């Protein structure tokens, strides 16, 4: 809506506020229509039935008094408050500014102190908040700030302590047209795409749950090599009937928001891929239902209807997950800068580091520290806000 001009001219600024009702915007611009005016910028928002509308326009100075008179009459007719400011000024639109950065704040309960701390940090380094907009309010609140005068790395370092101190998630991403380019979004499975750890469910059926869970937790913390831990856990499943795989397929559940995340990304032309240190034997039917065609996971060996305690083929470890991200991006014609990797454990660190945007989802501390952004609420589709996809784009009632 803003123009790209940057020149000195005579401008008028209108600030209209009042109870929202149909026809206000039309009436205001009908009032301005008879004059020789160029609209430079418009911003309108409705909060709890209260309308705030601002308009910046260029005009002939000789028309100022007539415009002011007509606007006063218009305000009385509409029963709204209306203020104007006329001046000769340099019009420097947002569109003309280079290096804009988006900061998205996510919280289940957003406090004034969090916004004050964030705003203070931004102004403290000489950066400026150009615009603020709410992009979601249910089930979490998401607020997007458009910042000029700072770079992504500087803001990441600056805002990370604020996120921790105020129990909010803060993600920083560069602006520009590439923000909305086609992307490849790669998901981990266990405790990310689904709410469970598949191998733990299998271990319960084999009666070795305590032993397997202990190894799983150690591996996710990065205390032992993933491939070694996987072999040790799978060995404990030796002799388990293969029918248990079908039983576990029926027990796994999608993480809240997962289906909406995937469907929304696919509907907007993005590609979703999946990599898992778990087992394709269990998750493949789910991936087919979700219309995901790019995926890699481990394969369990079955002989005479029983698990042998071994896997088939290369193990999908942290290095293999990163390699899959490169392979899938190449096959889809997506640059690595436009890839997103989402995971929760140490096994996801390499793909998070390789991606253009690495996101830690309810992750271990080491993963949160390594990721570009963290999501610490239970809704996987919160990731959409970090990509600049507002709630309205997701078919929600916001």
Protein backbone atom coordinates (compact mmCIF):
# COMPACT_ATOMS: atom_id res chain seq x y z
CA UNK A 1 0.00 0.00 0.00
CA UNK A 2 2.96 2.33 0.55
CA UNK A 3 4.62 3.95 -2.45
CA UNK A 4 8.35 3.84 -3.05
CA UNK A 5 8.80 7.58 -3.34
CA UNK A 6 11.24 9.52 -1.15
CA UNK A 7 10.75 13.24 -1.84
CA UNK A 8 9.69 16.43 -0.08
CA UNK A 9 6.07 17.35 -0.63
CA UNK A 10 3.05 18.78 1.14
CA UNK A 11 1.18 16.03 2.95
CA UNK A 12 -1.85 15.49 5.09
CA UNK A 13 -2.18 12.86 7.80
CA UNK A 14 -5.61 11.72 9.01
CA UNK A 15 -6.15 9.77 12.23
CA UNK A 16 -9.74 8.52 12.54
CA UNK A 17 -11.04 6.53 15.51
CA UNK A 18 -14.44 5.46 16.71
CA UNK A 19 -16.93 2.63 16.98
CA UNK A 20 -16.67 0.48 13.88
CA UNK A 21 -19.61 0.19 11.51
CA UNK A 22 -20.05 -0.45 7.78
CA UNK A 23 -19.41 2.49 5.48
CA UNK A 24 -16.85 4.51 7.46
CA UNK A 25 -13.93 3.89 5.10
CA UNK A 26 -16.04 4.62 2.02
CA UNK A 27 -17.42 7.83 3.52
CA UNK A 28 -13.95 9.11 4.40
CA UNK A 29 -12.59 8.54 0.90
CA UNK A 30 -15.75 9.90 -0.72
CA UNK A 31 -15.00 13.07 1.25
CA UNK A 32 -11.46 13.22 -0.17
CA UNK A 33 -12.42 12.21 -3.72
CA UNK A 34 -13.26 15.71 -5.11
CA UNK A 35 -9.73 16.96 -4.37
CA UNK A 36 -6.48 16.40 -6.27
CA UNK A 37 -4.95 13.95 -3.80
CA UNK A 38 -2.47 11.07 -4.03
CA UNK A 39 -2.79 8.39 -1.35
CA UNK A 40 0.67 7.51 0.04
CA UNK A 41 -0.14 5.11 2.86
CA UNK A 42 -3.12 3.56 4.65
CA UNK A 43 -3.34 1.56 7.84
CA UNK A 44 -6.60 0.32 9.35
CA UNK A 45 -7.32 -1.99 12.27
CA UNK A 46 -10.38 -2.96 14.29
CA UNK A 47 -9.91 -4.07 17.91
CA UNK A 48 -12.96 -4.95 20.03
CA UNK A 49 -15.31 -3.00 17.71
CA UNK A 50 -13.08 0.08 17.82
CA UNK A 51 -11.76 1.31 14.48
CA UNK A 52 -8.46 3.10 14.00
CA UNK A 53 -7.77 4.34 10.46
CA UNK A 54 -4.77 6.40 9.38
CA UNK A 55 -4.25 7.87 5.93
CA UNK A 56 -1.23 9.72 4.58
CA UNK A 57 -1.76 11.67 1.35
CA UNK A 58 -0.11 14.30 -0.82
CA UNK A 59 -2.15 17.39 -1.73
CA UNK A 60 -2.07 20.91 -3.11
CA UNK A 61 -1.47 23.27 -0.13
CA UNK A 62 -4.18 25.58 -1.46
CA UNK A 63 -6.76 22.86 -0.75
CA UNK A 64 -5.87 22.37 2.92
CA UNK A 65 -8.64 24.51 4.43
CA UNK A 66 -11.35 23.07 2.21
CA UNK A 67 -10.23 19.52 3.01
CA UNK A 68 -10.16 20.24 6.75
CA UNK A 69 -13.67 21.70 6.59
CA UNK A 70 -15.08 18.74 4.67
CA UNK A 71 -13.35 16.26 7.02
CA UNK A 72 -14.88 17.97 10.06
CA UNK A 73 -18.35 17.61 8.56
CA UNK A 74 -17.61 13.99 7.67
CA UNK A 75 -16.51 13.23 11.24
CA UNK A 76 -19.74 14.68 12.65
CA UNK A 77 -21.85 12.68 10.22
CA UNK A 78 -20.01 9.45 11.09
CA UNK A 79 -19.86 10.17 14.85
CA UNK A 80 -16.10 9.49 14.96
CA UNK A 81 -13.04 11.33 16.26
CA UNK A 82 -10.83 12.70 13.52
CA UNK A 83 -7.50 14.56 13.77
CA UNK A 84 -5.40 15.96 10.93
CA UNK A 85 -1.82 17.11 10.50
CA UNK A 86 -0.62 19.01 7.43
CA UNK A 87 3.04 19.71 6.73
CA UNK A 88 5.82 19.86 4.18
CA UNK A 89 7.85 16.76 4.84
CA UNK A 90 10.09 14.15 3.34
CA UNK A 91 7.99 11.11 2.57
CA UNK A 92 10.09 8.03 3.26
CA UNK A 93 7.91 4.98 2.81
CA UNK A 94 8.55 1.56 4.32
CA UNK A 95 8.87 0.11 0.83
CA UNK A 96 11.88 2.36 0.18
CA UNK A 97 13.80 1.12 3.22
CA UNK A 98 16.36 -1.63 2.77
CA UNK A 99 17.18 -4.37 5.26
CA UNK A 100 13.83 -4.60 6.99
CA UNK A 101 13.56 -7.37 9.57
CA UNK A 102 10.47 -9.14 10.89
CA UNK A 103 10.21 -9.99 14.58
CA UNK A 104 7.37 -12.31 15.59
CA UNK A 105 6.44 -12.73 19.25
CA UNK A 106 4.38 -15.77 20.29
CA UNK A 107 2.84 -16.27 23.72
CA UNK A 108 -0.13 -17.91 25.36
CA UNK A 109 -0.27 -14.89 27.67
CA UNK A 110 1.52 -11.79 26.39
CA UNK A 111 2.43 -9.27 29.09
CA UNK A 112 3.04 -5.51 28.73
CA UNK A 113 6.46 -6.05 30.31
CA UNK A 114 7.48 -8.33 27.43
CA UNK A 115 6.51 -5.76 24.81
CA UNK A 116 8.22 -2.98 26.80
CA UNK A 117 11.44 -5.00 27.05
CA UNK A 118 11.41 -5.86 23.35
CA UNK A 119 10.66 -2.28 22.28
CA UNK A 120 13.33 -0.90 24.59
CA UNK A 121 15.95 -3.28 23.27
CA UNK A 122 15.14 -2.35 19.67
CA UNK A 123 15.28 1.40 20.28
CA UNK A 124 18.41 0.95 22.40
CA UNK A 125 20.44 -0.05 19.34
CA UNK A 126 19.04 2.76 17.21
CA UNK A 127 16.58 0.56 15.34
CA UNK A 128 12.99 1.60 14.71
CA UNK A 129 9.65 -0.20 14.84
CA UNK A 130 7.95 0.68 11.56
CA UNK A 131 4.76 -1.31 12.00
CA UNK A 132 3.11 -3.63 14.50
CA UNK A 133 0.30 -6.02 13.65
CA UNK A 134 -1.50 -8.91 15.30
CA UNK A 135 -1.39 -12.00 13.14
CA UNK A 136 -3.13 -14.41 15.53
CA UNK A 137 -4.97 -14.39 18.84
CA UNK A 138 -6.22 -17.94 19.33
CA UNK A 139 -5.04 -20.31 20.74
CA UNK A 140 -1.92 -18.18 21.11
CA UNK A 141 -1.22 -14.50 20.58
CA UNK A 142 1.16 -13.66 17.74
CA UNK A 143 2.39 -10.11 17.16
CA UNK A 144 4.63 -9.12 14.25
CA UNK A 145 6.99 -6.13 14.39
CA UNK A 146 8.55 -4.71 11.23
CA UNK A 147 11.95 -3.28 12.15
CA UNK A 148 14.34 -0.97 10.29
CA UNK A 149 17.90 -0.11 11.22
CA UNK A 150 18.98 -3.51 12.58
CA UNK A 151 20.10 -6.83 11.12
CA UNK A 152 18.86 -10.35 11.83
CA UNK A 153 21.95 -11.50 13.73
CA UNK A 154 22.00 -8.41 15.93
CA UNK A 155 18.33 -8.77 16.84
CA UNK A 156 18.64 -12.51 17.49
CA UNK A 157 21.35 -11.94 20.07
CA UNK A 158 19.52 -8.97 21.54
CA UNK A 159 16.09 -10.55 21.91
CA UNK A 160 16.96 -14.10 22.99
CA UNK A 161 17.40 -13.15 26.67
CA UNK A 162 14.10 -11.24 26.59
CA UNK A 163 12.27 -14.30 25.28
CA UNK A 164 13.63 -16.40 28.13
CA UNK A 165 12.98 -13.79 30.81
CA UNK A 166 9.36 -13.17 29.77
CA UNK A 167 8.35 -16.72 28.75
CA UNK A 168 7.62 -15.83 25.13
CA UNK A 169 8.88 -17.14 21.80
CA UNK A 170 10.64 -14.59 19.58
CA UNK A 171 11.64 -15.31 15.99
CA UNK A 172 13.62 -12.96 13.76
CA UNK A 173 13.61 -13.27 9.98
CA UNK A 174 14.74 -11.02 7.12
CA UNK A 175 12.15 -9.13 5.12
CA UNK A 176 11.87 -8.70 1.37
CA UNK A 177 10.08 -10.64 -1.33
CA UNK A 178 12.01 -13.85 -0.59
CA UNK A 179 10.18 -14.15 2.71
CA UNK A 180 7.19 -15.39 0.73
CA UNK A 181 9.12 -17.53 -1.76
CA UNK A 182 8.36 -21.23 -2.17
CA UNK A 183 9.81 -23.23 0.70
CA UNK A 184 10.67 -26.75 1.76
CA UNK A 185 9.65 -27.43 5.36
CA UNK A 186 11.21 -30.56 6.86
CA UNK A 187 9.78 -32.13 10.01
CA UNK A 188 11.14 -34.55 12.55
CA UNK A 189 8.50 -37.13 13.56
CA UNK A 190 8.70 -38.36 17.15
CA UNK A 191 7.61 -35.61 19.60
CA UNK A 192 7.36 -33.17 16.68
CA UNK A 193 4.96 -34.35 13.98
CA UNK A 194 3.44 -36.85 16.41
CA UNK A 195 3.04 -36.63 20.16
CA UNK A 196 4.70 -39.96 20.95
CA UNK A 197 8.07 -41.69 20.57
CA UNK A 198 7.35 -44.74 18.38
CA UNK A 199 10.14 -46.86 19.76
CA UNK A 200 8.86 -46.30 23.28
CA UNK A 201 5.44 -47.58 22.25
CA UNK A 202 7.02 -50.68 20.71
CA UNK A 203 9.12 -51.17 23.83
CA UNK A 204 6.01 -51.19 25.99
CA UNK A 205 4.63 -54.06 23.94
CA UNK A 206 7.95 -55.91 24.27
CA UNK A 207 8.07 -55.35 28.03
CA UNK A 208 11.33 -53.38 27.90
CA UNK A 209 9.95 -49.85 28.16
CA UNK A 210 12.10 -48.65 31.06
CA UNK A 211 15.34 -49.72 29.38
CA UNK A 212 14.43 -48.23 26.00
CA UNK A 213 13.11 -44.94 27.40
CA UNK A 214 16.31 -44.43 29.37
CA UNK A 215 18.41 -44.88 26.23
CA UNK A 216 16.05 -42.64 24.19
CA UNK A 217 16.30 -39.77 26.67
CA UNK A 218 20.08 -40.02 26.80
CA UNK A 219 20.29 -39.96 23.01
CA UNK A 220 17.96 -36.96 22.68
CA UNK A 221 20.13 -35.05 25.15
CA UNK A 222 23.12 -35.82 22.95
CA UNK A 223 24.90 -37.88 25.61
CA UNK A 224 25.39 -40.92 23.37
CA UNK A 225 25.68 -41.42 19.62
CA UNK A 226 22.26 -41.79 18.01
CA UNK A 227 23.19 -44.71 15.74
CA UNK A 228 24.62 -46.60 18.71
CA UNK A 229 21.57 -45.85 20.81
CA UNK A 230 19.19 -46.93 18.04
CA UNK A 231 20.94 -50.27 17.61
CA UNK A 232 20.82 -50.84 21.36
CA UNK A 233 17.12 -50.06 21.58
CA UNK A 234 16.14 -52.07 18.51
CA UNK A 235 18.07 -55.06 19.87
CA UNK A 236 15.77 -55.02 22.90
CA UNK A 237 12.78 -55.50 20.56
CA UNK A 238 14.03 -58.86 19.27
CA UNK A 239 11.23 -61.42 19.14
CA UNK A 240 8.39 -58.87 19.15
CA UNK A 241 5.61 -59.96 16.73
CA UNK A 242 5.39 -57.77 13.64
CA UNK A 243 1.68 -57.33 14.36
CA UNK A 244 2.77 -54.87 17.06
CA UNK A 245 3.74 -52.44 14.29
CA UNK A 246 0.12 -52.25 13.14
CA UNK A 247 -1.07 -51.84 16.72
CA UNK A 248 1.30 -48.91 17.26
CA UNK A 249 0.15 -47.30 13.99
CA UNK A 250 -3.28 -46.99 15.59
CA UNK A 251 -1.89 -45.50 18.81
CA UNK A 252 0.13 -42.60 17.42
CA UNK A 253 -1.53 -39.19 17.30
CA UNK A 254 -0.61 -36.01 15.46
CA UNK A 255 0.73 -33.12 17.50
CA UNK A 256 -1.93 -30.38 17.88
CA UNK A 257 -1.80 -28.13 14.83
CA UNK A 258 0.27 -30.57 12.73
CA UNK A 259 -2.45 -31.28 10.20
CA UNK A 260 -3.25 -27.59 9.81
CA UNK A 261 0.43 -26.74 9.37
CA UNK A 262 0.91 -29.31 6.62
CA UNK A 263 -2.36 -28.63 4.80
CA UNK A 264 -1.78 -24.87 4.87
CA UNK A 265 1.77 -25.12 3.56
CA UNK A 266 0.70 -27.49 0.80
CA UNK A 267 -2.23 -25.28 -0.19
CA UNK A 268 0.13 -22.31 -0.54
CA UNK A 269 2.49 -24.25 -2.82
CA UNK A 270 5.18 -25.13 -0.30
CA UNK A 271 6.61 -28.64 0.07
CA UNK A 272 6.65 -30.64 3.31
CA UNK A 273 9.18 -33.42 3.86
CA UNK A 274 9.72 -35.74 6.81
CA UNK A 275 12.80 -37.43 8.25
CA UNK A 276 12.73 -39.72 11.24
CA UNK A 277 15.09 -41.68 13.41
CA UNK A 278 12.05 -43.88 13.99
CA UNK A 279 10.56 -46.47 11.69
CA UNK A 280 8.95 -46.25 8.29
CA UNK A 281 7.09 -49.48 9.16
CA UNK A 282 4.91 -47.46 11.56
CA UNK A 283 4.70 -43.93 10.16
CA UNK A 284 4.32 -44.52 6.40
CA UNK A 285 0.49 -44.86 6.39
CA UNK A 286 0.23 -41.59 8.31
CA UNK A 287 2.49 -39.78 5.84
CA UNK A 288 0.45 -41.07 2.92
CA UNK A 289 -2.72 -39.75 4.56
CA UNK A 290 -1.01 -36.36 4.95
CA UNK A 291 -0.03 -36.39 1.24
CA UNK A 292 3.65 -36.22 2.12
CA UNK A 293 5.73 -37.89 -0.58
CA UNK A 294 9.26 -36.94 0.52
CA UNK A 295 10.35 -38.91 3.57
CA UNK A 296 13.09 -41.05 5.06
CA UNK A 297 13.11 -43.25 8.16
CA UNK A 298 14.65 -46.44 9.47
CA UNK A 299 13.41 -49.89 8.43
CA UNK A 300 12.99 -52.75 10.91
CA UNK A 301 14.03 -56.24 9.89
CA UNK A 302 11.27 -58.84 10.19
CA UNK A 303 11.81 -62.60 9.73
CA UNK A 304 9.04 -65.18 10.11
CA UNK A 305 6.69 -62.56 11.51
CA UNK A 306 9.07 -61.49 14.31
CA UNK A 307 11.39 -58.48 14.74
CA UNK A 308 15.02 -59.62 14.60
CA UNK A 309 16.37 -56.76 16.69
CA UNK A 310 18.10 -55.24 13.66
CA UNK A 311 17.42 -52.55 11.07
CA UNK A 312 17.80 -52.70 7.30
CA UNK A 313 19.84 -50.19 5.32
CA UNK A 314 21.67 -47.06 6.48
CA UNK A 315 20.60 -45.61 9.81
CA UNK A 316 18.84 -42.24 9.63
CA UNK A 317 20.93 -40.30 12.14
CA UNK A 318 21.56 -36.56 12.52
CA UNK A 319 23.91 -36.45 9.51
CA UNK A 320 21.43 -38.36 7.36
CA UNK A 321 18.66 -35.93 8.31
CA UNK A 322 20.75 -32.99 7.09
CA UNK A 323 21.64 -34.85 3.92
CA UNK A 324 17.96 -35.56 3.29
CA UNK A 325 17.22 -31.85 3.60
CA UNK A 326 19.80 -31.10 0.89
CA UNK A 327 18.49 -33.89 -1.34
CA UNK A 328 14.83 -32.94 -1.00
CA UNK A 329 15.55 -29.23 -1.55
CA UNK A 330 17.53 -30.06 -4.70
CA UNK A 331 14.82 -32.34 -6.06
CA UNK A 332 12.18 -29.65 -5.46
CA UNK A 333 14.28 -26.83 -6.89
CA UNK A 334 14.28 -24.94 -3.57
CA UNK A 335 17.42 -23.11 -2.43
CA UNK A 336 18.80 -23.99 1.00
CA UNK A 337 18.06 -20.43 2.13
CA UNK A 338 14.37 -21.23 1.63
CA UNK A 339 14.41 -24.43 3.71
CA UNK A 340 13.00 -24.78 7.21
CA UNK A 341 13.87 -27.63 9.57
CA UNK A 342 11.80 -28.37 12.68
CA UNK A 343 12.81 -30.77 15.43
CA UNK A 344 13.18 -31.32 19.15
CA UNK A 345 16.22 -33.51 19.85
CA UNK A 346 19.98 -33.72 19.39
CA UNK A 347 19.36 -35.93 16.37
CA UNK A 348 17.89 -32.86 14.61
CA UNK A 349 20.82 -30.50 15.21
CA UNK A 350 22.53 -30.99 11.84
CA UNK A 351 19.41 -30.34 9.76
CA UNK A 352 18.52 -27.35 11.95
CA UNK A 353 21.98 -25.93 11.33
CA UNK A 354 21.80 -26.63 7.58
CA UNK A 355 18.38 -25.06 7.03
CA UNK A 356 17.75 -21.45 6.14
CA UNK A 357 15.58 -21.33 9.28
CA UNK A 358 16.03 -23.88 12.04
CA UNK A 359 13.17 -24.14 14.53
CA UNK A 360 13.29 -25.94 17.87
CA UNK A 361 9.85 -27.30 18.80
CA UNK A 362 9.39 -27.90 22.54
CA UNK A 363 13.01 -28.92 22.39
CA UNK A 364 15.85 -29.83 24.68
CA UNK A 365 17.95 -26.85 25.89
CA UNK A 366 20.87 -27.65 23.57
CA UNK A 367 18.54 -27.65 20.56
CA UNK A 368 16.89 -24.37 21.56
CA UNK A 369 20.32 -22.77 21.91
CA UNK A 370 21.35 -23.92 18.43
CA UNK A 371 18.12 -23.05 16.59
CA UNK A 372 17.27 -19.76 14.90
CA UNK A 373 13.87 -19.76 16.60
CA UNK A 374 12.01 -21.74 19.23
CA UNK A 375 8.36 -22.64 19.65
CA UNK A 376 7.54 -23.60 23.22
CA UNK A 377 3.78 -23.98 23.00
CA UNK A 378 1.96 -27.22 22.09
CA UNK A 379 0.70 -26.06 18.68
CA UNK A 380 2.86 -27.06 15.74
CA UNK A 381 1.06 -24.71 13.35
CA UNK A 382 2.50 -21.78 15.32
CA UNK A 383 5.40 -22.22 12.90
CA UNK A 384 3.22 -20.60 10.23
CA UNK A 385 3.44 -17.26 12.01
CA UNK A 386 7.23 -17.42 11.90
CA UNK A 387 6.97 -17.73 8.13
CA UNK A 388 4.77 -14.65 7.86
CA UNK A 389 1.57 -16.63 7.30
CA UNK A 390 -1.15 -14.94 9.33
CA UNK A 391 -4.12 -16.64 10.93
CA UNK A 392 -6.49 -15.41 8.23
CA UNK A 393 -4.38 -17.20 5.60
CA UNK A 394 -4.94 -20.40 7.55
CA UNK A 395 -8.71 -20.23 7.40
CA UNK A 396 -9.02 -19.43 11.11
CA UNK A 397 -11.37 -16.99 12.76
CA UNK A 398 -9.03 -14.53 14.42
